Amino acid sequence: MRVAQIARLTGTTVRTVRHYHALGLLPVPPERGGWRDYELAHVARLSRIRWLVQAGMPLSAVARVLQAAPGRSGTEQGQDPVGPQTGSCTGGDGRSAAAGVVEDLRAALSTVEAHLEEAARQRDMLRALLERAEEGLAVSPMPPRMAAFFDRMERDAPDERTRAAVRHDRDIVDLACYRGQMPPEAEHFFPEPDAELDAATLAAYGSDLESATAAELAEHADWLVTRLEDRLTTDELRDLANQVDTAVVSSLFRLIAGVCPHSTRVARFLEERLLAAIEYWRTA
């Protein structure tokens, strides 16, 4: 049979068949009447190749599996010009070859499982984004509570300077969410609407923290932590502290310092105060 027929029978393409010839996976048949004449043994070998590839095995591993397979047909025996790209059996020891096949299969399985985990992660992300879109929210990794907080702050900001500070914070939070550096527990730092608390928050946004003294920065960090403590019970604070990954918290503040050098001092004071509070809440 001709190359188009063998390709059709095995569910592949002529180009792929020729690629397997080039790699030495599939022996090149003799020519008859100017055409390559494929036999049933070629179909069987190509079917086996396609089956292994569809299972997720790389072509280099497929070559080793074929070489180690017992009872190969005449077409396969002694006619496998496997090139350096595809590797070779480990000597003539059948047990070594079999062990190599097991290793290749385990590696292929690990790769597929990693792909499945990534696909599951993408599925969960898409579900969450779909829910947000259906609710009329922005398609963003930022949790709705955080987004609502920033929307409210921008809307109620008394002047452009305050509004710019809110947007600056929002950009940092958005970046951290995209990068996976925003601890889920950070949601608690973005309060629900409260007239008195919102006014105090906007006043803080309107202040000049860049030129603040160390004492003023420490006071600001204390206020942010106290604002959270006033809204949660001791048990809730303990649960939050036990759930949070402090390494992620520290990575968030490193991100802030990296993208906003002028915020480094503020971030340092807040990180120190927050980490100390987390340790305290865990044992409270």
C-alpha atoms as a PDB file:
ATOM      1  CA  MET A   1       0.000   0.000   0.000  1.00  0.00           C
ATOM      2  CA  ARG A   2       1.056   3.626  -0.485  1.00  0.00           C
ATOM      3  CA  VAL A   3       1.923   6.185   2.154  1.00  0.00           C
ATOM      4  CA  ALA A   4      -1.467   7.925   1.982  1.00  0.00           C
ATOM      5  CA  GLN A   5      -3.213   4.633   2.739  1.00  0.00           C
ATOM      6  CA  ILE A   6      -1.065   3.758   5.739  1.00  0.00           C
ATOM      7  CA  ALA A   7      -1.512   7.288   7.064  1.00  0.00           C
ATOM      8  CA  ARG A   8      -5.286   7.046   6.708  1.00  0.00           C
ATOM      9  CA  LEU A   9      -5.437   3.609   8.343  1.00  0.00           C
ATOM     10  CA  THR A  10      -3.508   4.819  11.387  1.00  0.00           C
ATOM     11  CA  GLY A  11      -5.226   8.189  11.722  1.00  0.00           C
ATOM     12  CA  THR A  12      -2.201  10.318  10.965  1.00  0.00           C
ATOM     13  CA  THR A  13      -0.739  12.304   8.062  1.00  0.00           C
ATOM     14  CA  VAL A  14       1.728  11.604   5.281  1.00  0.00           C
ATOM     15  CA  ARG A  15       4.001  14.255   6.744  1.00  0.00           C
ATOM     16  CA  THR A  16       4.002  12.491  10.120  1.00  0.00           C
ATOM     17  CA  VAL A  17       4.807   9.137   8.506  1.00  0.00           C
ATOM     18  CA  ARG A  18       7.805  10.703   6.768  1.00  0.00           C
ATOM     19  CA  HIS A  19       8.856  12.327  10.029  1.00  0.00           C
ATOM     20  CA  TYR A  20       8.893   8.902  11.688  1.00  0.00           C
ATOM     21  CA  HIS A  21      11.025   7.616   8.807  1.00  0.00           C
ATOM     22  CA  ALA A  22      13.500  10.450   9.381  1.00  0.00           C
ATOM     23  CA  LEU A  23      13.704   9.649  13.094  1.00  0.00           C
ATOM     24  CA  GLY A  24      14.199   5.959  12.424  1.00  0.00           C
ATOM     25  CA  LEU A  25      11.016   4.977  14.214  1.00  0.00           C
ATOM     26  CA  LEU A  26       9.416   3.485  11.105  1.00  0.00           C
ATOM     27  CA  PRO A  27      11.531   1.511   8.604  1.00  0.00           C
ATOM     28  CA  VAL A  28      11.438   2.804   5.034  1.00  0.00           C
ATOM     29  CA  PRO A  29       9.770   0.177   2.798  1.00  0.00           C
ATOM     30  CA  PRO A  30      11.162  -0.948  -0.557  1.00  0.00           C
ATOM     31  CA  GLU A  31       9.971   0.791  -3.703  1.00  0.00           C
ATOM     32  CA  ARG A  32       7.841  -0.917  -6.313  1.00  0.00           C
ATOM     33  CA  GLY A  33       7.025   0.864  -9.531  1.00  0.00           C
ATOM     34  CA  GLY A  34       8.526   4.095  -8.226  1.00  0.00           C
ATOM     35  CA  TRP A  35       6.389   4.098  -5.066  1.00  0.00           C
ATOM     36  CA  ARG A  36       7.148   3.034  -1.527  1.00  0.00           C
ATOM     37  CA  ASP A  37       5.202  -0.147  -0.884  1.00  0.00           C
ATOM     38  CA  TYR A  38       4.113  -0.497   2.748  1.00  0.00           C
ATOM     39  CA  GLU A  39       3.231  -3.878   4.219  1.00  0.00           C
ATOM     40  CA  LEU A  40       0.895  -4.852   7.045  1.00  0.00           C
ATOM     41  CA  ALA A  41       3.896  -4.982   9.400  1.00  0.00           C
ATOM     42  CA  HIS A  42       4.469  -1.274   8.737  1.00  0.00           C
ATOM     43  CA  VAL A  43       0.835  -0.576   9.594  1.00  0.00           C
ATOM     44  CA  ALA A  44       1.176  -2.530  12.836  1.00  0.00           C
ATOM     45  CA  ARG A  45       4.354  -0.690  13.839  1.00  0.00           C
ATOM     46  CA  LEU A  46       2.940   2.713  12.924  1.00  0.00           C
ATOM     47  CA  SER A  47      -0.235   1.931  14.877  1.00  0.00           C
ATOM     48  CA  ARG A  48       1.912   1.078  17.891  1.00  0.00           C
ATOM     49  CA  ILE A  49       3.861   4.328  17.512  1.00  0.00           C
ATOM     50  CA  ARG A  50       0.684   6.384  17.289  1.00  0.00           C
ATOM     51  CA  TRP A  51      -0.830   4.570  20.285  1.00  0.00           C
ATOM     52  CA  LEU A  52       2.218   5.353  22.431  1.00  0.00           C
ATOM     53  CA  VAL A  53       2.338   8.974  21.260  1.00  0.00           C
ATOM     54  CA  GLN A  54      -1.359   9.443  22.009  1.00  0.00           C
ATOM     55  CA  ALA A  55      -0.709   8.053  25.492  1.00  0.00           C
ATOM     56  CA  GLY A  56       1.647  10.983  26.020  1.00  0.00           C
ATOM     57  CA  MET A  57       5.048   9.388  25.451  1.00  0.00           C
ATOM     58  CA  PRO A  58       7.770  11.495  23.802  1.00  0.00           C
ATOM     59  CA  LEU A  59       9.207  10.087  20.582  1.00  0.00           C
ATOM     60  CA  SER A  60      12.569   9.356  22.200  1.00  0.00           C
ATOM     61  CA  ALA A  61      10.814   7.107  24.719  1.00  0.00           C
ATOM     62  CA  VAL A  62       8.692   5.528  21.984  1.00  0.00           C
ATOM     63  CA  ALA A  63      11.894   4.418  20.254  1.00  0.00           C
ATOM     64  CA  ARG A  64      13.130   2.684  23.393  1.00  0.00           C
ATOM     65  CA  VAL A  65       9.787   0.972  23.978  1.00  0.00           C
ATOM     66  CA  LEU A  66       9.767  -0.357  20.419  1.00  0.00           C
ATOM     67  CA  GLN A  67      13.344  -1.576  20.708  1.00  0.00           C
ATOM     68  CA  ALA A  68      12.576  -3.406  23.949  1.00  0.00           C
ATOM     69  CA  ALA A  69       9.300  -4.938  22.746  1.00  0.00           C
ATOM     70  CA  PRO A  70       9.443  -8.763  22.617  1.00  0.00           C
ATOM     71  CA  GLY A  71       8.446 -10.651  19.492  1.00  0.00           C
ATOM     72  CA  ARG A  72       8.992  -7.838  17.006  1.00  0.00           C
ATOM     73  CA  SER A  73       8.050  -8.590  13.423  1.00  0.00           C
ATOM     74  CA  GLY A  74      10.519  -9.093  10.609  1.00  0.00           C
ATOM     75  CA  THR A  75       9.960  -5.545   9.460  1.00  0.00           C
ATOM     76  CA  GLU A  76      11.054  -4.321  12.876  1.00  0.00           C
ATOM     77  CA  GLN A  77      13.936  -6.699  13.596  1.00  0.00           C
ATOM     78  CA  GLY A  78      17.318  -5.437  12.491  1.00  0.00           C
ATOM     79  CA  GLN A  79      15.767  -2.683  10.406  1.00  0.00           C
ATOM     80  CA  ASP A  80      15.374   0.088  12.935  1.00  0.00           C
ATOM     81  CA  PRO A  81      17.911   2.729  11.953  1.00  0.00           C
ATOM     82  CA  VAL A  82      17.201   4.611  15.156  1.00  0.00           C
ATOM     83  CA  GLY A  83      19.234   7.770  14.954  1.00  0.00           C
ATOM     84  CA  PRO A  84      20.994   9.570  17.770  1.00  0.00           C
ATOM     85  CA  GLN A  85      17.879  11.689  18.334  1.00  0.00           C
ATOM     86  CA  THR A  86      15.876   8.734  19.611  1.00  0.00           C
ATOM     87  CA  GLY A  87      18.367   6.949  21.820  1.00  0.00           C
ATOM     88  CA  SER A  88      18.933   3.202  22.011  1.00  0.00           C
ATOM     89  CA  CYS A  89      18.521   0.156  24.214  1.00  0.00           C
ATOM     90  CA  THR A  90      20.850  -0.276  27.126  1.00  0.00           C
ATOM     91  CA  GLY A  91      23.050  -2.990  25.665  1.00  0.00           C
ATOM     92  CA  GLY A  92      21.653  -6.441  25.065  1.00  0.00           C
ATOM     93  CA  ASP A  93      20.304  -6.944  28.551  1.00  0.00           C
ATOM     94  CA  GLY A  94      16.554  -7.452  28.263  1.00  0.00           C
ATOM     95  CA  ARG A  95      16.026  -6.649  31.903  1.00  0.00           C
ATOM     96  CA  SER A  96      17.841  -3.318  31.556  1.00  0.00           C
ATOM     97  CA  ALA A  97      15.747  -2.495  28.511  1.00  0.00           C
ATOM     98  CA  ALA A  98      12.553  -3.371  30.364  1.00  0.00           C
ATOM     99  CA  ALA A  99      13.606  -1.209  33.303  1.00  0.00           C
ATOM    100  CA  GLY A 100      14.218   1.653  30.888  1.00  0.00           C
ATOM    101  CA  VAL A 101      10.738   1.246  29.448  1.00  0.00           C
ATOM    102  CA  VAL A 102       9.210   1.319  32.930  1.00  0.00           C
ATOM    103  CA  GLU A 103      11.142   4.505  33.689  1.00  0.00           C
ATOM    104  CA  ASP A 104       9.983   6.105  30.429  1.00  0.00           C
ATOM    105  CA  LEU A 105       6.368   5.182  31.125  1.00  0.00           C
ATOM    106  CA  ARG A 106       6.548   6.597  34.638  1.00  0.00           C
ATOM    107  CA  ALA A 107       8.037   9.826  33.309  1.00  0.00           C
ATOM    108  CA  ALA A 108       5.315  10.090  30.668  1.00  0.00           C
ATOM    109  CA  LEU A 109       2.638   9.450  33.292  1.00  0.00           C
ATOM    110  CA  SER A 110       4.090  12.163  35.541  1.00  0.00           C
ATOM    111  CA  THR A 111       4.019  14.608  32.630  1.00  0.00           C
ATOM    112  CA  VAL A 112       0.384  13.814  31.844  1.00  0.00           C
ATOM    113  CA  GLU A 113      -0.586  14.164  35.509  1.00  0.00           C
ATOM    114  CA  ALA A 114       1.109  17.570  35.609  1.00  0.00           C
ATOM    115  CA  HIS A 115      -0.865  18.591  32.505  1.00  0.00           C
ATOM    116  CA  LEU A 116      -4.077  17.423  34.189  1.00  0.00           C
ATOM    117  CA  GLU A 117      -3.298  19.498  37.281  1.00  0.00           C
ATOM    118  CA  GLU A 118      -2.673  22.538  35.090  1.00  0.00           C
ATOM    119  CA  ALA A 119      -5.894  21.892  33.147  1.00  0.00           C
ATOM    120  CA  ALA A 120      -7.821  21.617  36.430  1.00  0.00           C
ATOM    121  CA  ARG A 121      -6.295  24.907  37.598  1.00  0.00           C
ATOM    122  CA  GLN A 122      -7.307  26.600  34.339  1.00  0.00           C
ATOM    123  CA  ARG A 123     -10.819  25.145  34.633  1.00  0.00           C
ATOM    124  CA  ASP A 124     -11.193  26.530  38.151  1.00  0.00           C
ATOM    125  CA  MET A 125      -9.924  29.938  37.012  1.00  0.00           C
ATOM    126  CA  LEU A 126     -12.365  30.016  34.109  1.00  0.00           C
ATOM    127  CA  ARG A 127     -15.263  29.044  36.367  1.00  0.00           C
ATOM    128  CA  ALA A 128     -14.390  31.848  38.765  1.00  0.00           C
ATOM    129  CA  LEU A 129     -14.034  34.364  35.923  1.00  0.00           C
ATOM    130  CA  LEU A 130     -17.339  33.224  34.409  1.00  0.00           C
ATOM    131  CA  GLU A 131     -19.092  33.735  37.739  1.00  0.00           C
ATOM    132  CA  ARG A 132     -17.638  37.246  37.980  1.00  0.00           C
ATOM    133  CA  ALA A 133     -18.672  38.091  34.423  1.00  0.00           C
ATOM    134  CA  GLU A 134     -22.204  36.777  35.043  1.00  0.00           C
ATOM    135  CA  GLU A 135     -22.430  39.011  38.119  1.00  0.00           C
ATOM    136  CA  GLY A 136     -21.326  42.027  36.087  1.00  0.00           C
ATOM    137  CA  LEU A 137     -17.934  42.264  37.802  1.00  0.00           C
ATOM    138  CA  ALA A 138     -14.599  42.974  36.126  1.00  0.00           C
ATOM    139  CA  VAL A 139     -12.813  39.904  34.778  1.00  0.00           C
ATOM    140  CA  SER A 140      -9.820  40.049  37.097  1.00  0.00           C
ATOM    141  CA  PRO A 141      -8.075  37.777  39.613  1.00  0.00           C
ATOM    142  CA  MET A 142      -8.715  40.376  42.305  1.00  0.00           C
ATOM    143  CA  PRO A 143     -11.334  39.058  44.770  1.00  0.00           C
ATOM    144  CA  PRO A 144     -14.702  40.881  44.524  1.00  0.00           C
ATOM    145  CA  ARG A 145     -14.397  42.256  48.053  1.00  0.00           C
ATOM    146  CA  MET A 146     -11.089  43.940  47.230  1.00  0.00           C
ATOM    147  CA  ALA A 147     -12.420  45.274  43.931  1.00  0.00           C
ATOM    148  CA  ALA A 148     -15.520  46.674  45.661  1.00  0.00           C
ATOM    149  CA  PHE A 149     -13.319  48.361  48.275  1.00  0.00           C
ATOM    150  CA  PHE A 150     -11.201  50.124  45.654  1.00  0.00           C
ATOM    151  CA  ASP A 151     -14.289  51.073  43.619  1.00  0.00           C
ATOM    152  CA  ARG A 152     -15.738  52.695  46.720  1.00  0.00           C
ATOM    153  CA  MET A 153     -12.521  54.489  47.629  1.00  0.00           C
ATOM    154  CA  GLU A 154     -12.096  55.877  44.104  1.00  0.00           C
ATOM    155  CA  ARG A 155     -15.707  57.016  43.962  1.00  0.00           C
ATOM    156  CA  ASP A 156     -15.615  58.750  47.344  1.00  0.00           C
ATOM    157  CA  ALA A 157     -12.103  60.218  47.151  1.00  0.00           C
ATOM    158  CA  PRO A 158     -12.328  63.961  47.975  1.00  0.00           C
ATOM    159  CA  ASP A 159      -9.575  65.031  45.566  1.00  0.00           C
ATOM    160  CA  GLU A 160      -7.395  63.821  42.726  1.00  0.00           C
ATOM    161  CA  ARG A 161      -4.360  63.241  44.931  1.00  0.00           C
ATOM    162  CA  THR A 162      -6.299  60.837  47.141  1.00  0.00           C
ATOM    163  CA  ARG A 163      -7.830  59.155  44.116  1.00  0.00           C
ATOM    164  CA  ALA A 164      -4.373  58.683  42.569  1.00  0.00           C
ATOM    165  CA  ALA A 165      -3.131  57.071  45.795  1.00  0.00           C
ATOM    166  CA  VAL A 166      -6.094  54.684  45.754  1.00  0.00           C
ATOM    167  CA  ARG A 167      -5.408  53.763  42.125  1.00  0.00           C
ATOM    168  CA  HIS A 168      -1.739  53.232  42.928  1.00  0.00           C
ATOM    169  CA  ASP A 169      -2.643  50.770  45.686  1.00  0.00           C
ATOM    170  CA  ARG A 170      -5.153  49.089  43.412  1.00  0.00           C
ATOM    171  CA  ASP A 171      -2.514  48.563  40.727  1.00  0.00           C
ATOM    172  CA  ILE A 172      -0.178  46.941  43.255  1.00  0.00           C
ATOM    173  CA  VAL A 173      -2.911  44.642  44.553  1.00  0.00           C
ATOM    174  CA  ASP A 174      -3.956  43.761  41.013  1.00  0.00           C
ATOM    175  CA  LEU A 175      -0.363  42.878  40.099  1.00  0.00           C
ATOM    176  CA  ALA A 176       0.042  40.770  43.243  1.00  0.00           C
ATOM    177  CA  CYS A 177      -3.181  38.904  42.426  1.00  0.00           C
ATOM    178  CA  TYR A 178      -2.035  38.217  38.862  1.00  0.00           C
ATOM    179  CA  ARG A 179       1.305  36.929  40.162  1.00  0.00           C
ATOM    180  CA  GLY A 180      -0.256  34.788  42.879  1.00  0.00           C
ATOM    181  CA  GLN A 181       1.484  36.799  45.611  1.00  0.00           C
ATOM    182  CA  MET A 182      -1.636  38.053  47.348  1.00  0.00           C
ATOM    183  CA  PRO A 183      -2.467  35.871  50.374  1.00  0.00           C
ATOM    184  CA  PRO A 184      -6.162  34.866  50.276  1.00  0.00           C
ATOM    185  CA  GLU A 185      -6.474  35.997  53.895  1.00  0.00           C
ATOM    186  CA  ALA A 186      -5.586  39.560  52.831  1.00  0.00           C
ATOM    187  CA  GLU A 187      -9.258  40.030  51.932  1.00  0.00           C
ATOM    188  CA  HIS A 188      -9.886  40.828  55.591  1.00  0.00           C
ATOM    189  CA  PHE A 189      -7.830  44.014  55.232  1.00  0.00           C
ATOM    190  CA  PHE A 190     -10.397  45.387  52.782  1.00  0.00           C
ATOM    191  CA  PRO A 191     -13.437  46.220  54.930  1.00  0.00           C
ATOM    192  CA  GLU A 192     -17.061  46.292  53.912  1.00  0.00           C
ATOM    193  CA  PRO A 193     -18.703  49.753  53.608  1.00  0.00           C
ATOM    194  CA  ASP A 194     -18.582  51.715  56.858  1.00  0.00           C
ATOM    195  CA  ALA A 195     -18.912  55.497  56.788  1.00  0.00           C
ATOM    196  CA  GLU A 196     -16.543  56.206  59.674  1.00  0.00           C
ATOM    197  CA  LEU A 197     -13.928  53.655  58.630  1.00  0.00           C
ATOM    198  CA  ASP A 198     -14.090  54.702  54.970  1.00  0.00           C
ATOM    199  CA  ALA A 199     -13.513  58.333  55.940  1.00  0.00           C
ATOM    200  CA  ALA A 200     -10.453  57.371  58.009  1.00  0.00           C
ATOM    201  CA  THR A 201      -9.124  55.222  55.159  1.00  0.00           C
ATOM    202  CA  LEU A 202      -9.495  58.048  52.636  1.00  0.00           C
ATOM    203  CA  ALA A 203      -7.737  60.404  55.039  1.00  0.00           C
ATOM    204  CA  ALA A 204      -4.838  57.935  55.215  1.00  0.00           C
ATOM    205  CA  TYR A 205      -4.719  57.737  51.419  1.00  0.00           C
ATOM    206  CA  GLY A 206      -4.576  61.530  51.284  1.00  0.00           C
ATOM    207  CA  SER A 207      -1.643  61.800  53.710  1.00  0.00           C
ATOM    208  CA  ASP A 208       1.990  62.078  52.621  1.00  0.00           C
ATOM    209  CA  LEU A 209       3.467  58.820  53.868  1.00  0.00           C
ATOM    210  CA  GLU A 210       6.577  59.139  51.711  1.00  0.00           C
ATOM    211  CA  SER A 211       7.925  61.963  53.858  1.00  0.00           C
ATOM    212  CA  ALA A 212       6.504  60.642  57.140  1.00  0.00           C
ATOM    213  CA  THR A 213       8.755  60.048  60.136  1.00  0.00           C
ATOM    214  CA  ALA A 214       9.482  56.581  61.459  1.00  0.00           C
ATOM    215  CA  ALA A 215       7.092  57.202  64.340  1.00  0.00           C
ATOM    216  CA  GLU A 216       4.333  58.240  61.931  1.00  0.00           C
ATOM    217  CA  LEU A 217       4.900  55.155  59.769  1.00  0.00           C
ATOM    218  CA  ALA A 218       4.795  52.909  62.830  1.00  0.00           C
ATOM    219  CA  GLU A 219       1.553  54.584  63.881  1.00  0.00           C
ATOM    220  CA  HIS A 220       0.094  54.048  60.397  1.00  0.00           C
ATOM    221  CA  ALA A 221       1.041  50.346  60.467  1.00  0.00           C
ATOM    222  CA  ASP A 222      -0.498  50.008  63.939  1.00  0.00           C
ATOM    223  CA  TRP A 223      -3.706  51.601  62.689  1.00  0.00           C
ATOM    224  CA  LEU A 224      -4.006  49.179  59.768  1.00  0.00           C
ATOM    225  CA  VAL A 225      -3.530  46.154  62.023  1.00  0.00           C
ATOM    226  CA  THR A 226      -5.821  47.539  64.734  1.00  0.00           C
ATOM    227  CA  ARG A 227      -8.489  48.209  62.106  1.00  0.00           C
ATOM    228  CA  LEU A 228      -8.513  44.476  61.400  1.00  0.00           C
ATOM    229  CA  GLU A 229      -8.421  43.474  65.074  1.00  0.00           C
ATOM    230  CA  ASP A 230     -11.446  45.664  65.794  1.00  0.00           C
ATOM    231  CA  ARG A 231     -13.540  43.812  63.205  1.00  0.00           C
ATOM    232  CA  LEU A 232     -12.624  40.193  64.015  1.00  0.00           C
ATOM    233  CA  THR A 233     -13.000  38.114  67.143  1.00  0.00           C
ATOM    234  CA  THR A 234     -10.038  36.506  68.890  1.00  0.00           C
ATOM    235  CA  ASP A 235     -10.996  33.113  67.455  1.00  0.00           C
ATOM    236  CA  GLU A 236     -11.285  34.560  63.951  1.00  0.00           C
ATOM    237  CA  LEU A 237      -7.883  36.217  64.261  1.00  0.00           C
ATOM    238  CA  ARG A 238      -6.357  32.951  65.463  1.00  0.00           C
ATOM    239  CA  ASP A 239      -7.870  31.024  62.555  1.00  0.00           C
ATOM    240  CA  LEU A 240      -6.664  33.649  60.094  1.00  0.00           C
ATOM    241  CA  ALA A 241      -3.140  33.604  61.548  1.00  0.00           C
ATOM    242  CA  ASN A 242      -2.957  29.812  61.423  1.00  0.00           C
ATOM    243  CA  GLN A 243      -4.092  29.751  57.799  1.00  0.00           C
ATOM    244  CA  VAL A 244      -1.874  32.480  56.379  1.00  0.00           C
ATOM    245  CA  ASP A 245       1.470  31.623  54.798  1.00  0.00           C
ATOM    246  CA  THR A 246       3.937  34.183  56.142  1.00  0.00           C
ATOM    247  CA  ALA A 247       6.324  33.426  53.275  1.00  0.00           C
ATOM    248  CA  VAL A 248       3.654  34.656  50.854  1.00  0.00           C
ATOM    249  CA  VAL A 249       3.115  37.722  53.037  1.00  0.00           C
ATOM    250  CA  SER A 250       6.827  38.535  52.859  1.00  0.00           C
ATOM    251  CA  SER A 251       6.892  37.953  49.089  1.00  0.00           C
ATOM    252  CA  LEU A 252       4.056  40.465  48.741  1.00  0.00           C
ATOM    253  CA  PHE A 253       6.043  43.149  50.525  1.00  0.00           C
ATOM    254  CA  ARG A 254       9.131  42.336  48.444  1.00  0.00           C
ATOM    255  CA  LEU A 255       6.998  42.835  45.347  1.00  0.00           C
ATOM    256  CA  ILE A 256       5.801  46.206  46.656  1.00  0.00           C
ATOM    257  CA  ALA A 257       9.376  47.301  47.346  1.00  0.00           C
ATOM    258  CA  GLY A 258      10.478  46.092  43.922  1.00  0.00           C
ATOM    259  CA  VAL A 259       7.863  47.910  41.859  1.00  0.00           C
ATOM    260  CA  CYS A 260       7.455  50.964  44.110  1.00  0.00           C
ATOM    261  CA  PRO A 261      10.820  51.953  45.618  1.00  0.00           C
ATOM    262  CA  HIS A 262       9.261  55.050  47.223  1.00  0.00           C
ATOM    263  CA  SER A 263       6.906  52.747  49.164  1.00  0.00           C
ATOM    264  CA  THR A 264       9.733  50.670  50.629  1.00  0.00           C
ATOM    265  CA  ARG A 265       9.711  52.399  54.021  1.00  0.00           C
ATOM    266  CA  VAL A 266       5.953  52.090  54.429  1.00  0.00           C
ATOM    267  CA  ALA A 267       6.037  48.443  53.342  1.00  0.00           C
ATOM    268  CA  ARG A 268       8.836  47.602  55.777  1.00  0.00           C
ATOM    269  CA  PHE A 269       6.980  49.026  58.778  1.00  0.00           C
ATOM    270  CA  LEU A 270       3.737  47.314  57.793  1.00  0.00           C
ATOM    271  CA  GLU A 271       5.420  43.954  57.161  1.00  0.00           C
ATOM    272  CA  GLU A 272       7.144  43.989  60.553  1.00  0.00           C
ATOM    273  CA  ARG A 273       3.955  44.991  62.355  1.00  0.00           C
ATOM    274  CA  LEU A 274       1.793  42.470  60.505  1.00  0.00           C
ATOM    275  CA  LEU A 275       4.148  39.518  60.998  1.00  0.00           C
ATOM    276  CA  ALA A 276       4.395  40.339  64.695  1.00  0.00           C
ATOM    277  CA  ALA A 277       0.600  40.491  64.905  1.00  0.00           C
ATOM    278  CA  ILE A 278       0.245  37.131  63.143  1.00  0.00           C
ATOM    279  CA  GLU A 279       2.566  35.497  65.667  1.00  0.00           C
ATOM    280  CA  TYR A 280       0.587  37.050  68.505  1.00  0.00           C
ATOM    281  CA  TRP A 281      -2.795  36.002  67.080  1.00  0.00           C
ATOM    282  CA  ARG A 282      -1.618  32.401  66.712  1.00  0.00           C
ATOM    283  CA  THR A 283      -1.141  32.074  70.462  1.00  0.00           C
ATOM    284  CA  ALA A 284      -3.870  34.433  71.652  1.00  0.00           C
END
